[in-house]
């Protein structure tokens, strides 16, 4: 996808940062509820490990989420922290 925002990041941004209902996010992004739920689950898995000060390599090994997606989630976590 290049440097553009991924669908995963867009879904997480709408649900977490904008505090929208996941069902509404699914409709807005033209995704299935299952896909939205999976993106949010992965985000929370990464956030849990990030909060425990784990590095990207460890998070990748434990979750099997690709490193570039983990980096996107890290950026969203930082945005979430800044908005509080």
PDB file of N, CA and C in Angstrom:
ATOM      1  N   UNK A   1       0.799  -1.191   0.000  1.00  0.00           N
ATOM      2  CA  UNK A   1       0.000   0.000   0.000  1.00  0.00           C
ATOM      3  C   UNK A   1       0.848   1.264   0.000  1.00  0.00           C
ATOM      4  N   UNK A   2       2.144   1.130   0.112  1.00  0.00           N
ATOM      5  CA  UNK A   2       2.986   2.308   0.122  1.00  0.00           C
ATOM      6  C   UNK A   2       2.894   3.035   1.446  1.00  0.00           C
ATOM      7  N   UNK A   3       3.023   4.349   1.404  1.00  0.00           N
ATOM      8  CA  UNK A   3       3.049   5.130   2.634  1.00  0.00           C
ATOM      9  C   UNK A   3       1.668   5.628   3.049  1.00  0.00           C
ATOM     10  N   UNK A   4       0.635   5.275   2.291  1.00  0.00           N
ATOM     11  CA  UNK A   4      -0.713   5.719   2.658  1.00  0.00           C
ATOM     12  C   UNK A   4      -1.191   4.959   3.894  1.00  0.00           C
ATOM     13  N   UNK A   5      -2.202   5.514   4.544  1.00  0.00           N
ATOM     14  CA  UNK A   5      -2.748   4.873   5.741  1.00  0.00           C
ATOM     15  C   UNK A   5      -3.462   3.578   5.343  1.00  0.00           C
ATOM     16  N   UNK A   6      -3.212   2.529   6.091  1.00  0.00           N
ATOM     17  CA  UNK A   6      -3.812   1.236   5.767  1.00  0.00           C
ATOM     18  C   UNK A   6      -5.259   1.182   6.258  1.00  0.00           C
ATOM     19  N   UNK A   7      -5.969   0.192   5.781  1.00  0.00           N
ATOM     20  CA  UNK A   7      -7.346  -0.002   6.239  1.00  0.00           C
ATOM     21  C   UNK A   7      -7.359  -0.297   7.730  1.00  0.00           C
ATOM     22  N   UNK A   8      -6.383  -1.086   8.173  1.00  0.00           N
ATOM     23  CA  UNK A   8      -6.317  -1.415   9.596  1.00  0.00           C
ATOM     24  C   UNK A   8      -6.168  -0.144  10.425  1.00  0.00           C
ATOM     25  N   UNK A   9      -5.254   0.710  10.007  1.00  0.00           N
ATOM     26  CA  UNK A   9      -5.008   1.947  10.755  1.00  0.00           C
ATOM     27  C   UNK A   9      -6.239   2.847  10.727  1.00  0.00           C
ATOM     28  N   UNK A  10      -6.910   2.924   9.598  1.00  0.00           N
ATOM     29  CA  UNK A  10      -8.106   3.746   9.482  1.00  0.00           C
ATOM     30  C   UNK A  10      -9.200   3.240  10.423  1.00  0.00           C
ATOM     31  N   UNK A  11      -9.391   1.936  10.452  1.00  0.00           N
ATOM     32  CA  UNK A  11     -10.406   1.336  11.324  1.00  0.00           C
ATOM     33  C   UNK A  11     -10.081   1.629  12.783  1.00  0.00           C
ATOM     34  N   UNK A  12      -8.830   1.414  13.169  1.00  0.00           N
ATOM     35  CA  UNK A  12      -8.436   1.642  14.561  1.00  0.00           C
ATOM     36  C   UNK A  12      -8.574   3.117  14.920  1.00  0.00           C
ATOM     37  N   UNK A  13      -8.173   3.987  14.014  1.00  0.00           N
ATOM     38  CA  UNK A  13      -8.272   5.430  14.274  1.00  0.00           C
ATOM     39  C   UNK A  13      -9.723   5.830  14.534  1.00  0.00           C
ATOM     40  N   UNK A  14     -10.640   5.329  13.710  1.00  0.00           N
ATOM     41  CA  UNK A  14     -12.052   5.671  13.879  1.00  0.00           C
ATOM     42  C   UNK A  14     -12.612   5.095  15.185  1.00  0.00           C
ATOM     43  N   UNK A  15     -12.264   3.856  15.503  1.00  0.00           N
ATOM     44  CA  UNK A  15     -12.829   3.198  16.683  1.00  0.00           C
ATOM     45  C   UNK A  15     -12.181   3.670  17.984  1.00  0.00           C
ATOM     46  N   UNK A  16     -10.868   3.821  17.981  1.00  0.00           N
ATOM     47  CA  UNK A  16     -10.164   4.153  19.222  1.00  0.00           C
ATOM     48  C   UNK A  16     -10.047   5.668  19.423  1.00  0.00           C
ATOM     49  N   UNK A  17      -9.513   6.348  18.435  1.00  0.00           N
ATOM     50  CA  UNK A  17      -9.265   7.782  18.600  1.00  0.00           C
ATOM     51  C   UNK A  17     -10.539   8.610  18.492  1.00  0.00           C
ATOM     52  N   UNK A  18     -11.415   8.231  17.543  1.00  0.00           N
ATOM     53  CA  UNK A  18     -12.663   8.976  17.377  1.00  0.00           C
ATOM     54  C   UNK A  18     -13.792   8.404  18.230  1.00  0.00           C
ATOM     55  N   UNK A  19     -13.526   7.276  18.893  1.00  0.00           N
ATOM     56  CA  UNK A  19     -14.478   6.625  19.806  1.00  0.00           C
ATOM     57  C   UNK A  19     -15.813   6.276  19.137  1.00  0.00           C
ATOM     58  N   UNK A  20     -15.715   5.787  17.899  1.00  0.00           N
ATOM     59  CA  UNK A  20     -16.918   5.374  17.176  1.00  0.00           C
ATOM     60  C   UNK A  20     -17.220   3.910  17.457  1.00  0.00           C
ATOM     61  N   UNK A  21     -18.484   3.565  17.372  1.00  0.00           N
ATOM     62  CA  UNK A  21     -18.916   2.185  17.537  1.00  0.00           C
ATOM     63  C   UNK A  21     -18.326   1.328  16.418  1.00  0.00           C
ATOM     64  N   UNK A  22     -17.783   0.146  16.730  1.00  0.00           N
ATOM     65  CA  UNK A  22     -17.201  -0.712  15.689  1.00  0.00           C
ATOM     66  C   UNK A  22     -18.167  -1.047  14.555  1.00  0.00           C
ATOM     67  N   UNK A  23     -19.444  -1.180  14.848  1.00  0.00           N
ATOM     68  CA  UNK A  23     -20.419  -1.460  13.785  1.00  0.00           C
ATOM     69  C   UNK A  23     -20.514  -0.279  12.823  1.00  0.00           C
ATOM     70  N   UNK A  24     -20.484   0.933  13.361  1.00  0.00           N
ATOM     71  CA  UNK A  24     -20.504   2.123  12.518  1.00  0.00           C
ATOM     72  C   UNK A  24     -19.216   2.211  11.693  1.00  0.00           C
ATOM     73  N   UNK A  25     -18.089   1.887  12.306  1.00  0.00           N
ATOM     74  CA  UNK A  25     -16.803   1.899  11.596  1.00  0.00           C
ATOM     75  C   UNK A  25     -16.838   0.907  10.439  1.00  0.00           C
ATOM     76  N   UNK A  26     -17.393  -0.268  10.670  1.00  0.00           N
ATOM     77  CA  UNK A  26     -17.486  -1.283   9.609  1.00  0.00           C
ATOM     78  C   UNK A  26     -18.284  -0.742   8.427  1.00  0.00           C
ATOM     79  N   UNK A  27     -19.388  -0.088   8.708  1.00  0.00           N
ATOM     80  CA  UNK A  27     -20.202   0.491   7.633  1.00  0.00           C
ATOM     81  C   UNK A  27     -19.452   1.597   6.908  1.00  0.00           C
ATOM     82  N   UNK A  28     -18.840   2.503   7.663  1.00  0.00           N
ATOM     83  CA  UNK A  28     -18.129   3.631   7.065  1.00  0.00           C
ATOM     84  C   UNK A  28     -16.958   3.187   6.192  1.00  0.00           C
ATOM     85  N   UNK A  29     -16.287   2.117   6.607  1.00  0.00           N
ATOM     86  CA  UNK A  29     -15.098   1.648   5.883  1.00  0.00           C
ATOM     87  C   UNK A  29     -15.421   0.533   4.884  1.00  0.00           C
ATOM     88  N   UNK A  30     -16.693   0.172   4.806  1.00  0.00           N
ATOM     89  CA  UNK A  30     -17.123  -0.902   3.911  1.00  0.00           C
ATOM     90  C   UNK A  30     -16.355  -2.197   4.186  1.00  0.00           C
ATOM     91  N   UNK A  31     -16.266  -2.531   5.472  1.00  0.00           N
ATOM     92  CA  UNK A  31     -15.604  -3.749   5.920  1.00  0.00           C
ATOM     93  C   UNK A  31     -16.626  -4.615   6.650  1.00  0.00           C
ATOM     94  N   UNK A  32     -16.296  -5.875   6.791  1.00  0.00           N
ATOM     95  CA  UNK A  32     -17.152  -6.754   7.583  1.00  0.00           C
ATOM     96  C   UNK A  32     -16.920  -6.475   9.062  1.00  0.00           C
ATOM     97  N   UNK A  33     -17.894  -6.808   9.854  1.00  0.00           N
ATOM     98  CA  UNK A  33     -17.743  -6.647  11.307  1.00  0.00           C
ATOM     99  C   UNK A  33     -16.592  -7.525  11.799  1.00  0.00           C
ATOM    100  N   UNK A  34     -16.446  -8.706  11.224  1.00  0.00           N
ATOM    101  CA  UNK A  34     -15.352  -9.602  11.611  1.00  0.00           C
ATOM    102  C   UNK A  34     -13.983  -8.992  11.359  1.00  0.00           C
ATOM    103  N   UNK A  35     -13.825  -8.309  10.227  1.00  0.00           N
ATOM    104  CA  UNK A  35     -12.539  -7.667   9.908  1.00  0.00           C
ATOM    105  C   UNK A  35     -12.252  -6.545  10.901  1.00  0.00           C
ATOM    106  N   UNK A  36     -13.249  -5.729  11.182  1.00  0.00           N
ATOM    107  CA  UNK A  36     -13.074  -4.632  12.134  1.00  0.00           C
ATOM    108  C   UNK A  36     -12.714  -5.186  13.509  1.00  0.00           C
ATOM    109  N   UNK A  37     -13.419  -6.226  13.943  1.00  0.00           N
ATOM    110  CA  UNK A  37     -13.136  -6.837  15.242  1.00  0.00           C
ATOM    111  C   UNK A  37     -11.708  -7.384  15.290  1.00  0.00           C
ATOM    112  N   UNK A  38     -11.252  -7.983  14.205  1.00  0.00           N
ATOM    113  CA  UNK A  38      -9.890  -8.542  14.136  1.00  0.00           C
ATOM    114  C   UNK A  38      -8.846  -7.428  14.217  1.00  0.00           C
ATOM    115  N   UNK A  39      -9.067  -6.327  13.489  1.00  0.00           N
ATOM    116  CA  UNK A  39      -8.130  -5.199  13.535  1.00  0.00           C
ATOM    117  C   UNK A  39      -8.047  -4.636  14.963  1.00  0.00           C
ATOM    118  N   UNK A  40      -9.186  -4.500  15.611  1.00  0.00           N
ATOM    119  CA  UNK A  40      -9.198  -3.958  16.966  1.00  0.00           C
ATOM    120  C   UNK A  40      -8.546  -4.930  17.956  1.00  0.00           C
ATOM    121  N   UNK A  41      -8.801  -6.208  17.774  1.00  0.00           N
ATOM    122  CA  UNK A  41      -8.174  -7.219  18.631  1.00  0.00           C
ATOM    123  C   UNK A  41      -6.657  -7.152  18.490  1.00  0.00           C
ATOM    124  N   UNK A  42      -6.167  -7.090  17.251  1.00  0.00           N
ATOM    125  CA  UNK A  42      -4.728  -7.005  17.016  1.00  0.00           C
ATOM    126  C   UNK A  42      -4.147  -5.732  17.613  1.00  0.00           C
ATOM    127  N   UNK A  43      -4.859  -4.626  17.470  1.00  0.00           N
ATOM    128  CA  UNK A  43      -4.408  -3.361  18.053  1.00  0.00           C
ATOM    129  C   UNK A  43      -4.239  -3.515  19.560  1.00  0.00           C
ATOM    130  N   UNK A  44      -5.223  -4.098  20.209  1.00  0.00           N
ATOM    131  CA  UNK A  44      -5.157  -4.254  21.663  1.00  0.00           C
ATOM    132  C   UNK A  44      -4.062  -5.232  22.078  1.00  0.00           C
ATOM    133  N   UNK A  45      -3.810  -6.245  21.276  1.00  0.00           N
ATOM    134  CA  UNK A  45      -2.697  -7.164  21.556  1.00  0.00           C
ATOM    135  C   UNK A  45      -1.370  -6.418  21.496  1.00  0.00           C
ATOM    136  N   UNK A  46      -1.194  -5.607  20.460  1.00  0.00           N
ATOM    137  CA  UNK A  46       0.038  -4.824  20.317  1.00  0.00           C
ATOM    138  C   UNK A  46       0.144  -3.808  21.452  1.00  0.00           C
ATOM    139  N   UNK A  47      -0.950  -3.142  21.780  1.00  0.00           N
ATOM    140  CA  UNK A  47      -0.931  -2.131  22.842  1.00  0.00           C
ATOM    141  C   UNK A  47      -0.568  -2.747  24.180  1.00  0.00           C
ATOM    142  N   UNK A  48      -1.083  -3.921  24.465  1.00  0.00           N
ATOM    143  CA  UNK A  48      -0.764  -4.597  25.725  1.00  0.00           C
ATOM    144  C   UNK A  48       0.737  -4.845  25.839  1.00  0.00           C
ATOM    145  N   UNK A  49       1.333  -5.356  24.772  1.00  0.00           N
ATOM    146  CA  UNK A  49       2.771  -5.625  24.787  1.00  0.00           C
ATOM    147  C   UNK A  49       3.577  -4.330  24.772  1.00  0.00           C
ATOM    148  N   UNK A  50       3.118  -3.330  24.053  1.00  0.00           N
ATOM    149  CA  UNK A  50       3.768  -2.022  24.023  1.00  0.00           C
ATOM    150  C   UNK A  50       3.780  -1.429  25.440  1.00  0.00           C
ATOM    151  N   UNK A  51       2.666  -1.529  26.136  1.00  0.00           N
ATOM    152  CA  UNK A  51       2.571  -1.008  27.508  1.00  0.00           C
ATOM    153  C   UNK A  51       3.510  -1.748  28.458  1.00  0.00           C
ATOM    154  N   UNK A  52       3.894  -2.968  28.098  1.00  0.00           N
ATOM    155  CA  UNK A  52       4.854  -3.743  28.890  1.00  0.00           C
ATOM    156  C   UNK A  52       6.294  -3.507  28.422  1.00  0.00           C
ATOM    157  N   UNK A  53       6.485  -2.476  27.580  1.00  0.00           N
ATOM    158  CA  UNK A  53       7.805  -2.070  27.072  1.00  0.00           C
ATOM    159  C   UNK A  53       8.489  -3.135  26.213  1.00  0.00           C
ATOM    160  N   UNK A  54       7.699  -3.882  25.465  1.00  0.00           N
ATOM    161  CA  UNK A  54       8.280  -4.868  24.554  1.00  0.00           C
ATOM    162  C   UNK A  54       8.609  -4.194  23.227  1.00  0.00           C
ATOM    163  N   UNK A  55       9.675  -4.651  22.579  1.00  0.00           N
ATOM    164  CA  UNK A  55      10.075  -4.057  21.307  1.00  0.00           C
ATOM    165  C   UNK A  55       9.323  -4.701  20.145  1.00  0.00           C
ATOM    166  N   UNK A  56       9.471  -4.099  18.973  1.00  0.00           N
ATOM    167  CA  UNK A  56       8.740  -4.554  17.787  1.00  0.00           C
ATOM    168  C   UNK A  56       9.071  -6.005  17.448  1.00  0.00           C
ATOM    169  N   UNK A  57      10.328  -6.374  17.567  1.00  0.00           N
ATOM    170  CA  UNK A  57      10.736  -7.754  17.249  1.00  0.00           C
ATOM    171  C   UNK A  57      10.005  -8.752  18.143  1.00  0.00           C
ATOM    172  N   UNK A  58       9.946  -8.481  19.442  1.00  0.00           N
ATOM    173  CA  UNK A  58       9.257  -9.371  20.377  1.00  0.00           C
ATOM    174  C   UNK A  58       7.769  -9.430  20.059  1.00  0.00           C
ATOM    175  N   UNK A  59       7.168  -8.263  19.827  1.00  0.00           N
ATOM    176  CA  UNK A  59       5.731  -8.222  19.528  1.00  0.00           C
ATOM    177  C   UNK A  59       5.439  -9.023  18.262  1.00  0.00           C
ATOM    178  N   UNK A  60       6.285  -8.892  17.261  1.00  0.00           N
ATOM    179  CA  UNK A  60       6.127  -9.657  16.012  1.00  0.00           C
ATOM    180  C   UNK A  60       6.205 -11.162  16.286  1.00  0.00           C
ATOM    181  N   UNK A  61       7.195 -11.578  17.060  1.00  0.00           N
ATOM    182  CA  UNK A  61       7.357 -13.008  17.348  1.00  0.00           C
ATOM    183  C   UNK A  61       6.167 -13.577  18.113  1.00  0.00           C
ATOM    184  N   UNK A  62       5.649 -12.822  19.044  1.00  0.00           N
ATOM    185  CA  UNK A  62       4.551 -13.300  19.882  1.00  0.00           C
ATOM    186  C   UNK A  62       3.215 -13.293  19.140  1.00  0.00           C
ATOM    187  N   UNK A  63       2.958 -12.222  18.385  1.00  0.00           N
ATOM    188  CA  UNK A  63       1.641 -12.049  17.769  1.00  0.00           C
ATOM    189  C   UNK A  63       1.566 -12.520  16.323  1.00  0.00           C
ATOM    190  N   UNK A  64       2.724 -12.621  15.656  1.00  0.00           N
ATOM    191  CA  UNK A  64       2.795 -12.932  14.227  1.00  0.00           C
ATOM    192  C   UNK A  64       2.174 -11.835  13.359  1.00  0.00           C
ATOM    193  N   UNK A  65       2.041 -10.637  13.923  1.00  0.00           N
ATOM    194  CA  UNK A  65       1.586  -9.479  13.162  1.00  0.00           C
ATOM    195  C   UNK A  65       2.815  -8.892  12.473  1.00  0.00           C
ATOM    196  N   UNK A  66       2.670  -8.491  11.212  1.00  0.00           N
ATOM    197  CA  UNK A  66       3.829  -7.984  10.482  1.00  0.00           C
ATOM    198  C   UNK A  66       4.374  -6.712  11.143  1.00  0.00           C
ATOM    199  N   UNK A  67       5.673  -6.528  11.002  1.00  0.00           N
ATOM    200  CA  UNK A  67       6.350  -5.415  11.676  1.00  0.00           C
ATOM    201  C   UNK A  67       5.842  -4.062  11.208  1.00  0.00           C
ATOM    202  N   UNK A  68       5.532  -3.936   9.917  1.00  0.00           N
ATOM    203  CA  UNK A  68       5.049  -2.623   9.461  1.00  0.00           C
ATOM    204  C   UNK A  68       3.675  -2.302  10.043  1.00  0.00           C
ATOM    205  N   UNK A  69       2.849  -3.308  10.279  1.00  0.00           N
ATOM    206  CA  UNK A  69       1.538  -3.079  10.915  1.00  0.00           C
ATOM    207  C   UNK A  69       1.744  -2.735  12.391  1.00  0.00           C
ATOM    208  N   UNK A  70       2.689  -3.401  13.036  1.00  0.00           N
ATOM    209  CA  UNK A  70       2.995  -3.084  14.437  1.00  0.00           C
ATOM    210  C   UNK A  70       3.443  -1.631  14.548  1.00  0.00           C
ATOM    211  N   UNK A  71       4.262  -1.177  13.613  1.00  0.00           N
ATOM    212  CA  UNK A  71       4.717   0.219  13.622  1.00  0.00           C
ATOM    213  C   UNK A  71       3.535   1.174  13.455  1.00  0.00           C
ATOM    214  N   UNK A  72       2.592   0.815  12.584  1.00  0.00           N
ATOM    215  CA  UNK A  72       1.391   1.648  12.419  1.00  0.00           C
ATOM    216  C   UNK A  72       0.606   1.699  13.727  1.00  0.00           C
ATOM    217  N   UNK A  73       0.463   0.548  14.372  1.00  0.00           N
ATOM    218  CA  UNK A  73      -0.250   0.511  15.648  1.00  0.00           C
ATOM    219  C   UNK A  73       0.492   1.334  16.700  1.00  0.00           C
ATOM    220  N   UNK A  74       1.819   1.266  16.714  1.00  0.00           N
ATOM    221  CA  UNK A  74       2.604   2.085  17.652  1.00  0.00           C
ATOM    222  C   UNK A  74       2.298   3.566  17.457  1.00  0.00           C
ATOM    223  N   UNK A  75       2.246   3.999  16.206  1.00  0.00           N
ATOM    224  CA  UNK A  75       1.938   5.404  15.918  1.00  0.00           C
ATOM    225  C   UNK A  75       0.549   5.772  16.425  1.00  0.00           C
ATOM    226  N   UNK A  76      -0.412   4.868  16.246  1.00  0.00           N
ATOM    227  CA  UNK A  76      -1.767   5.117  16.732  1.00  0.00           C
ATOM    228  C   UNK A  76      -1.822   5.136  18.254  1.00  0.00           C
ATOM    229  N   UNK A  77      -1.032   4.284  18.891  1.00  0.00           N
ATOM    230  CA  UNK A  77      -0.969   4.269  20.354  1.00  0.00           C
ATOM    231  C   UNK A  77      -0.447   5.615  20.857  1.00  0.00           C
ATOM    232  N   UNK A  78       0.576   6.113  20.198  1.00  0.00           N
ATOM    233  CA  UNK A  78       1.128   7.423  20.587  1.00  0.00           C
ATOM    234  C   UNK A  78       0.105   8.533  20.380  1.00  0.00           C
ATOM    235  N   UNK A  79      -0.654   8.477  19.274  1.00  0.00           N
ATOM    236  CA  UNK A  79      -1.720   9.452  19.034  1.00  0.00           C
ATOM    237  C   UNK A  79      -2.767   9.381  20.149  1.00  0.00           C
ATOM    238  N   UNK A  80      -3.116   8.145  20.540  1.00  0.00           N
ATOM    239  CA  UNK A  80      -4.115   7.956  21.594  1.00  0.00           C
ATOM    240  C   UNK A  80      -3.605   8.553  22.906  1.00  0.00           C
ATOM    241  N   UNK A  81      -2.330   8.312  23.226  1.00  0.00           N
ATOM    242  CA  UNK A  81      -1.757   8.841  24.458  1.00  0.00           C
ATOM    243  C   UNK A  81      -1.735  10.375  24.455  1.00  0.00           C
ATOM    244  N   UNK A  82      -1.440  10.959  23.305  1.00  0.00           N
ATOM    245  CA  UNK A  82      -1.387  12.417  23.185  1.00  0.00           C
ATOM    246  C   UNK A  82      -2.767  13.059  23.296  1.00  0.00           C
ATOM    247  N   UNK A  83      -3.805  12.310  22.895  1.00  0.00           N
ATOM    248  CA  UNK A  83      -5.155  12.874  22.924  1.00  0.00           C
ATOM    249  C   UNK A  83      -5.789  12.841  24.306  1.00  0.00           C
ATOM    250  N   UNK A  84      -5.176  12.105  25.220  1.00  0.00           N
ATOM    251  CA  UNK A  84      -5.740  11.999  26.593  1.00  0.00           C
ATOM    252  C   UNK A  84      -5.360  13.176  27.449  1.00  0.00           C
TER     253      UNK A  84
END
